[in-house]
Amino acid sequence: MEEETNKPIVETTDETVPIKNKVVFNNFDLAVASAGLVFSIIFLVYPVIAENKRLELASVAEALRPVEVSPFSSLALEAKAAYVLDLNSGEVIFEKNSEVQLPLASLTKIMTAITALSIVPEGTVITIDKEDLELEGDSGLYADERWRLGDLLGLTLIESSNDGAYAVAASIGSVIGGVEDKNQSREAFVRSMNEKAKELGLSQTYFNNPTGLDESAGFAGAYGSARDVASLIAYGVSNYSDIFRTTRYASLKVESLNAPSHTAVNTNKDLDGIPVIIASKTGYTDLSGGNLAIIFNPGINNPIAVVVLGSTLNGRFQDVKNLAWAVIDSLVNN
């Protein structure tokens, strides 16, 4: 009898059994994934690169842009204070210590003329008294000489006549105060000058006499700011143009009612250095130094006021000339 053996039975099949959790990528899948990654990087990074480049180019352009230099930036003024005002627009073109209160010297006579004309007509007759001729400075007036107020003020402004200002203040002050005493009459006139300053809003300005001469070694005849003076001369030209426009001439022949004619010589020695001057007034004392105020027209109907205070005797003319030409340069370049 044959011995029986136990052998394992092996079954075979043609089906393939899948391997779980295994993903197989072909070449096409890898290409698509790579492209997506690249585009994602470009999308995120490119705007940053572009913005940095734009900022870089903008910085270079700004560095290469021509620097606009104001014609006023290089000015070296001797004056302690200065003010340049466009009278049409009210624009302040330039200022230096424009609100500082300084001695005015004979710029005072601008207010002397304005106050007189605000009280009596131009045709009012003023008689020169011997006492009116006692102040320093000689403008060729004679005792008992009779003048139309307008003509006398023209001479007073052009020559900066202390005698003329003194006579005007005494005569018109007597009308205001109703007194015959010359000193009291002048005091009344000076009070009217200060009232006019308040009326015009000249907050830094007050007057101690009608001429601007120093009262003493430490006390000026009048005080004010460059800004106030610009407003004051502009008011004079606007309201009494016939009188103030005489100050644009180098000299002027004027006649009193009973004496030979006078030739008034302008104390502004540099009228030719600035084009189209409309009006000007000088001032100088030991306390004030050199002062000068002008209105000129650098364009068509474009009046500009220029004021310097506390310069030197000759430096005031150069200061005003430099400021005036800086205005002209700025207009040309714009």
Protein backbone atom coordinates (compact mmCIF):
# COMPACT_ATOMS: atom_id res chain seq x y z
CA MET A 1 0.00 0.00 0.00
CA GLU A 2 1.39 3.19 -1.02
CA GLU A 3 2.12 5.92 1.65
CA GLU A 4 -0.06 9.10 1.17
CA THR A 5 1.75 12.50 1.33
CA ASN A 6 0.19 15.97 2.19
CA LYS A 7 1.33 18.58 -0.46
CA PRO A 8 0.11 22.28 -0.58
CA ILE A 9 -2.16 23.14 -3.39
CA VAL A 10 -1.09 26.35 -5.29
CA GLU A 11 -3.75 28.39 -7.09
CA THR A 12 -2.77 30.83 -9.89
CA THR A 13 -4.69 33.73 -11.46
CA ASP A 14 -4.17 36.20 -14.30
CA GLU A 15 -5.43 39.25 -12.21
CA THR A 16 -2.88 41.76 -10.76
CA VAL A 17 -3.37 42.77 -7.19
CA PRO A 18 -3.00 46.63 -6.72
CA ILE A 19 -0.55 47.98 -4.19
CA LYS A 20 -2.36 50.25 -1.71
CA ASN A 21 -1.23 53.98 -0.91
CA LYS A 22 1.19 54.30 -3.82
CA VAL A 23 0.77 57.11 -6.45
CA VAL A 24 2.64 56.91 -9.65
CA PHE A 25 3.37 60.17 -11.69
CA ASN A 26 4.20 60.10 -15.31
CA ASN A 27 6.31 62.75 -17.12
CA PHE A 28 3.30 64.85 -18.22
CA ASP A 29 2.05 65.29 -14.66
CA LEU A 30 5.47 66.47 -13.51
CA ALA A 31 5.66 69.09 -16.29
CA VAL A 32 2.25 70.54 -15.41
CA ALA A 33 3.12 70.77 -11.73
CA SER A 34 6.44 72.44 -12.42
CA ALA A 35 4.85 74.99 -14.73
CA GLY A 36 2.24 75.85 -12.14
CA LEU A 37 4.90 76.37 -9.51
CA VAL A 38 6.93 78.64 -11.80
CA PHE A 39 3.89 80.80 -12.67
CA SER A 40 2.97 81.03 -9.01
CA ILE A 41 6.45 82.33 -8.18
CA ILE A 42 6.35 84.83 -11.05
CA PHE A 43 2.90 86.05 -10.03
CA LEU A 44 4.02 86.66 -6.45
CA VAL A 45 7.53 87.98 -7.02
CA TYR A 46 7.28 90.06 -10.20
CA PRO A 47 5.14 92.89 -8.75
CA VAL A 48 7.69 93.33 -5.97
CA ILE A 49 10.55 93.48 -8.47
CA ALA A 50 8.60 95.89 -10.69
CA GLU A 51 7.76 98.23 -7.80
CA ASN A 52 11.37 98.28 -6.64
CA LYS A 53 12.47 99.11 -10.17
CA ARG A 54 9.88 101.89 -10.43
CA LEU A 55 11.05 103.41 -7.15
CA GLU A 56 14.64 103.17 -8.30
CA LEU A 57 13.87 104.95 -11.56
CA ALA A 58 11.83 107.59 -9.75
CA SER A 59 14.74 108.21 -7.37
CA VAL A 60 17.12 108.63 -10.29
CA ALA A 61 14.71 111.00 -12.04
CA GLU A 62 14.32 113.08 -8.89
CA ALA A 63 18.08 113.28 -8.49
CA LEU A 64 18.45 114.46 -12.07
CA ARG A 65 15.64 117.04 -11.83
CA PRO A 66 16.98 120.62 -12.01
CA VAL A 67 16.84 122.34 -8.62
CA GLU A 68 14.71 125.48 -8.70
CA VAL A 69 16.64 128.25 -6.92
CA SER A 70 14.73 131.34 -5.82
CA PRO A 71 16.36 134.61 -6.95
CA PHE A 72 15.90 135.79 -3.34
CA SER A 73 17.85 132.89 -1.79
CA SER A 74 21.28 134.31 -2.53
CA LEU A 75 20.58 137.92 -1.53
CA ALA A 76 22.84 139.41 1.12
CA LEU A 77 21.03 142.43 2.54
CA GLU A 78 22.53 145.04 4.82
CA ALA A 79 19.07 145.99 6.05
CA LYS A 80 17.80 144.74 9.39
CA ALA A 81 14.31 144.36 7.95
CA ALA A 82 12.80 144.10 4.49
CA TYR A 83 9.40 143.53 2.92
CA VAL A 84 8.29 142.98 -0.68
CA LEU A 85 4.56 143.00 -1.43
CA ASP A 86 2.53 142.45 -4.61
CA LEU A 87 -0.08 145.18 -4.28
CA ASN A 88 -2.54 143.58 -6.70
CA SER A 89 -2.68 140.09 -5.21
CA GLY A 90 -1.59 140.90 -1.67
CA GLU A 91 1.07 138.19 -1.94
CA VAL A 92 4.12 138.62 0.28
CA ILE A 93 6.99 137.98 -2.12
CA PHE A 94 9.81 138.35 0.41
CA GLU A 95 10.20 139.33 4.03
CA LYS A 96 12.93 139.65 6.59
CA ASN A 97 12.05 140.72 10.15
CA SER A 98 9.06 142.47 8.58
CA GLU A 99 7.20 142.89 11.89
CA VAL A 100 10.13 144.27 13.89
CA GLN A 101 9.60 147.82 15.11
CA LEU A 102 12.44 150.08 13.98
CA PRO A 103 13.09 153.85 13.68
CA LEU A 104 11.51 155.28 10.53
CA ALA A 105 13.43 158.55 10.08
CA SER A 106 12.01 160.56 7.15
CA LEU A 107 9.71 157.76 6.01
CA THR A 108 7.58 159.57 8.62
CA LYS A 109 6.85 162.24 6.01
CA ILE A 110 4.71 159.74 4.08
CA MET A 111 2.25 159.90 6.98
CA THR A 112 2.71 163.66 7.34
CA ALA A 113 1.49 164.09 3.77
CA ILE A 114 -1.37 161.57 4.13
CA THR A 115 -2.61 163.13 7.37
CA ALA A 116 -2.50 166.67 5.98
CA LEU A 117 -4.40 165.69 2.82
CA SER A 118 -7.00 163.79 4.84
CA ILE A 119 -7.81 166.97 6.80
CA VAL A 120 -7.67 169.85 4.29
CA PRO A 121 -7.70 170.13 0.45
CA GLU A 122 -4.56 170.27 -1.69
CA GLY A 123 -5.27 173.91 -2.49
CA THR A 124 -5.04 175.03 1.15
CA VAL A 125 -2.48 177.85 1.53
CA ILE A 126 0.39 177.26 3.96
CA THR A 127 2.52 180.19 5.10
CA ILE A 128 6.11 179.46 6.12
CA ASP A 129 6.94 180.88 9.53
CA LYS A 130 10.46 181.79 10.60
CA GLU A 131 10.20 179.20 13.36
CA ASP A 132 9.54 176.51 10.74
CA LEU A 133 13.05 177.01 9.36
CA GLU A 134 14.93 176.29 12.58
CA LEU A 135 15.30 172.53 12.09
CA GLU A 136 18.37 170.88 10.58
CA GLY A 137 18.48 170.71 6.81
CA ASP A 138 17.84 173.52 4.35
CA SER A 139 15.45 172.97 1.45
CA GLY A 140 15.53 176.60 0.30
CA LEU A 141 12.27 177.77 1.84
CA TYR A 142 11.81 181.38 2.91
CA ALA A 143 10.03 182.96 5.85
CA ASP A 144 6.59 184.33 4.89
CA GLU A 145 6.60 182.27 1.69
CA ARG A 146 3.09 181.10 0.78
CA TRP A 147 2.46 177.67 -0.71
CA ARG A 148 -0.36 175.54 -2.02
CA LEU A 149 -0.38 172.50 0.25
CA GLY A 150 -0.06 170.06 -2.67
CA ASP A 151 3.04 171.81 -4.04
CA LEU A 152 4.67 172.11 -0.63
CA LEU A 153 4.07 168.41 0.08
CA GLY A 154 5.61 167.50 -3.28
CA LEU A 155 8.78 169.41 -2.38
CA THR A 156 8.73 167.98 1.16
CA LEU A 157 8.55 164.37 -0.05
CA ILE A 158 11.14 164.70 -2.84
CA GLU A 159 13.72 166.65 -0.84
CA SER A 160 12.71 165.15 2.52
CA SER A 161 12.30 168.72 3.73
CA ASN A 162 12.11 169.01 7.51
CA ASP A 163 11.14 172.67 7.16
CA GLY A 164 8.25 171.77 4.88
CA ALA A 165 6.95 169.04 7.18
CA TYR A 166 7.26 171.31 10.22
CA ALA A 167 5.33 174.11 8.50
CA VAL A 168 2.56 171.77 7.32
CA ALA A 169 2.15 170.29 10.82
CA ALA A 170 1.98 173.70 12.47
CA SER A 171 -0.52 175.19 10.03
CA ILE A 172 -2.89 172.22 9.84
CA GLY A 173 -2.48 171.41 13.52
CA SER A 174 -3.87 174.84 14.35
CA VAL A 175 -7.00 173.94 12.37
CA ILE A 176 -7.33 170.66 14.31
CA GLY A 177 -6.60 172.00 17.78
CA GLY A 178 -7.99 175.51 17.38
CA VAL A 179 -4.84 176.99 18.91
CA GLU A 180 -2.27 179.47 17.68
CA ASP A 181 0.71 178.16 19.64
CA LYS A 182 2.99 176.42 17.13
CA ASN A 183 4.14 173.67 19.49
CA GLN A 184 0.60 172.83 20.54
CA SER A 185 -0.50 172.84 16.91
CA ARG A 186 2.23 170.37 15.95
CA GLU A 187 1.34 168.14 18.90
CA ALA A 188 -2.27 168.10 17.71
CA PHE A 189 -1.12 167.20 14.21
CA VAL A 190 1.06 164.34 15.51
CA ARG A 191 -1.93 162.99 17.44
CA SER A 192 -3.83 162.95 14.17
CA MET A 193 -0.94 161.06 12.55
CA ASN A 194 -1.16 158.38 15.22
CA GLU A 195 -4.94 158.20 14.90
CA LYS A 196 -4.49 157.69 11.15
CA ALA A 197 -1.99 154.90 11.80
CA LYS A 198 -4.57 153.09 13.96
CA GLU A 199 -7.26 153.66 11.34
CA LEU A 200 -5.03 152.04 8.70
CA GLY A 201 -4.20 149.08 10.95
CA LEU A 202 -0.50 149.92 11.29
CA SER A 203 -0.04 148.09 14.57
CA GLN A 204 3.72 148.62 14.88
CA THR A 205 3.73 152.32 13.96
CA TYR A 206 3.62 155.49 16.05
CA PHE A 207 4.96 159.01 15.63
CA ASN A 208 6.61 161.46 18.00
CA ASN A 209 7.04 164.32 15.52
CA PRO A 210 6.07 165.14 11.90
CA THR A 211 9.60 164.93 10.45
CA GLY A 212 11.11 161.67 11.71
CA LEU A 213 14.17 163.42 13.12
CA ASP A 214 15.57 161.71 16.22
CA GLU A 215 14.18 163.23 19.41
CA SER A 216 17.38 162.36 21.28
CA ALA A 217 20.37 160.05 21.08
CA GLY A 218 18.21 157.13 22.19
CA PHE A 219 14.70 158.08 21.12
CA ALA A 220 13.58 158.22 17.48
CA GLY A 221 11.07 160.55 15.93
CA ALA A 222 8.93 157.62 14.77
CA TYR A 223 8.85 153.84 14.87
CA GLY A 224 7.29 151.24 12.60
CA SER A 225 7.77 147.97 10.76
CA ALA A 226 8.72 147.29 7.15
CA ARG A 227 5.30 145.75 6.63
CA ASP A 228 3.54 148.83 7.98
CA VAL A 229 5.59 151.14 5.76
CA ALA A 230 4.69 149.11 2.67
CA SER A 231 0.99 149.47 3.53
CA LEU A 232 1.45 153.18 4.25
CA ILE A 233 3.16 154.14 0.99
CA ALA A 234 0.71 151.98 -0.96
CA TYR A 235 -2.17 153.86 0.68
CA GLY A 236 -0.57 157.19 -0.21
CA VAL A 237 -0.11 156.28 -3.87
CA SER A 238 -3.62 154.85 -4.11
CA ASN A 239 -5.40 157.82 -2.51
CA TYR A 240 -3.16 160.80 -3.34
CA SER A 241 -1.44 159.69 -6.51
CA ASP A 242 -0.73 163.18 -7.89
CA ILE A 243 1.32 164.07 -4.81
CA PHE A 244 3.17 160.80 -4.34
CA ARG A 245 3.94 160.22 -8.01
CA THR A 246 6.09 163.36 -8.02
CA THR A 247 8.65 161.35 -6.03
CA ARG A 248 9.55 159.27 -9.09
CA TYR A 249 11.43 162.21 -10.62
CA ALA A 250 15.11 162.94 -10.03
CA SER A 251 14.26 166.61 -9.70
CA LEU A 252 11.16 168.75 -9.95
CA LYS A 253 10.57 172.46 -10.41
CA VAL A 254 7.96 173.74 -7.96
CA GLU A 255 6.67 177.24 -7.34
CA SER A 256 5.30 178.97 -4.30
CA LEU A 257 2.68 181.71 -4.60
CA ASN A 258 4.98 184.66 -3.85
CA ALA A 259 8.62 183.65 -4.43
CA PRO A 260 10.92 182.39 -7.20
CA SER A 261 10.54 178.77 -8.28
CA HIS A 262 12.39 176.03 -6.46
CA THR A 263 14.13 173.01 -7.93
CA ALA A 264 13.55 170.06 -5.63
CA VAL A 265 16.23 167.35 -5.92
CA ASN A 266 15.20 163.79 -5.01
CA THR A 267 17.03 162.24 -2.07
CA ASN A 268 16.67 158.84 -3.78
CA LYS A 269 19.92 158.88 -5.75
CA ASP A 270 19.31 155.58 -7.54
CA LEU A 271 16.05 156.13 -9.41
CA ASP A 272 17.61 154.97 -12.67
CA GLY A 273 18.67 151.61 -11.19
CA ILE A 274 15.10 150.28 -11.07
CA PRO A 275 12.64 150.34 -13.98
CA VAL A 276 9.28 152.14 -13.78
CA ILE A 277 9.39 153.58 -10.28
CA ILE A 278 5.97 154.89 -9.27
CA ALA A 279 6.92 156.46 -5.93
CA SER A 280 9.82 156.48 -3.46
CA LYS A 281 10.81 157.89 -0.09
CA THR A 282 14.14 157.87 1.74
CA GLY A 283 14.99 158.12 5.42
CA TYR A 284 18.21 158.35 7.39
CA THR A 285 19.18 159.30 10.95
CA ASP A 286 21.80 158.09 13.40
CA LEU A 287 19.25 155.84 15.11
CA SER A 288 17.51 154.50 12.03
CA GLY A 289 20.38 153.96 9.65
CA GLY A 290 19.36 153.86 6.00
CA ASN A 291 15.69 153.41 5.13
CA LEU A 292 14.03 153.34 1.71
CA ALA A 293 10.55 152.58 0.45
CA ILE A 294 9.53 152.38 -3.20
CA ILE A 295 6.67 151.21 -5.39
CA PHE A 296 7.66 150.09 -8.87
CA ASN A 297 5.95 148.36 -11.77
CA PRO A 298 7.90 145.42 -13.25
CA GLY A 299 5.00 144.42 -15.50
CA ILE A 300 1.77 145.72 -16.92
CA ASN A 301 -0.22 147.13 -14.00
CA ASN A 302 1.67 145.03 -11.48
CA PRO A 303 2.80 147.43 -8.71
CA ILE A 304 5.24 146.03 -6.15
CA ALA A 305 6.16 147.69 -2.84
CA VAL A 306 9.73 147.25 -1.57
CA VAL A 307 10.82 148.48 1.86
CA VAL A 308 14.13 148.22 3.71
CA LEU A 309 14.79 149.46 7.24
CA GLY A 310 18.01 149.67 9.22
CA SER A 311 20.42 149.49 6.29
CA THR A 312 23.32 151.90 5.75
CA LEU A 313 23.43 155.30 4.08
CA ASN A 314 24.36 153.81 0.70
CA GLY A 315 23.44 150.19 1.37
CA ARG A 316 19.69 150.99 1.36
CA PHE A 317 19.83 151.79 -2.35
CA GLN A 318 21.64 148.56 -3.21
CA ASP A 319 19.33 146.53 -0.96
CA VAL A 320 16.21 147.85 -2.69
CA LYS A 321 17.78 147.41 -6.12
CA ASN A 322 18.68 143.79 -5.36
CA LEU A 323 15.16 143.06 -4.13
CA ALA A 324 13.54 144.77 -7.11
CA TRP A 325 15.64 142.84 -9.63
CA ALA A 326 14.97 139.59 -7.78
CA VAL A 327 11.27 140.30 -8.30
CA ILE A 328 11.88 140.87 -12.00
CA ASP A 329 13.92 137.65 -12.29
CA SER A 330 11.19 135.63 -10.59
CA LEU A 331 8.56 137.02 -12.97
CA VAL A 332 10.69 136.28 -16.03
CA ASN A 333 11.46 132.71 -14.94
CA ASN A 334 7.83 131.96 -14.15
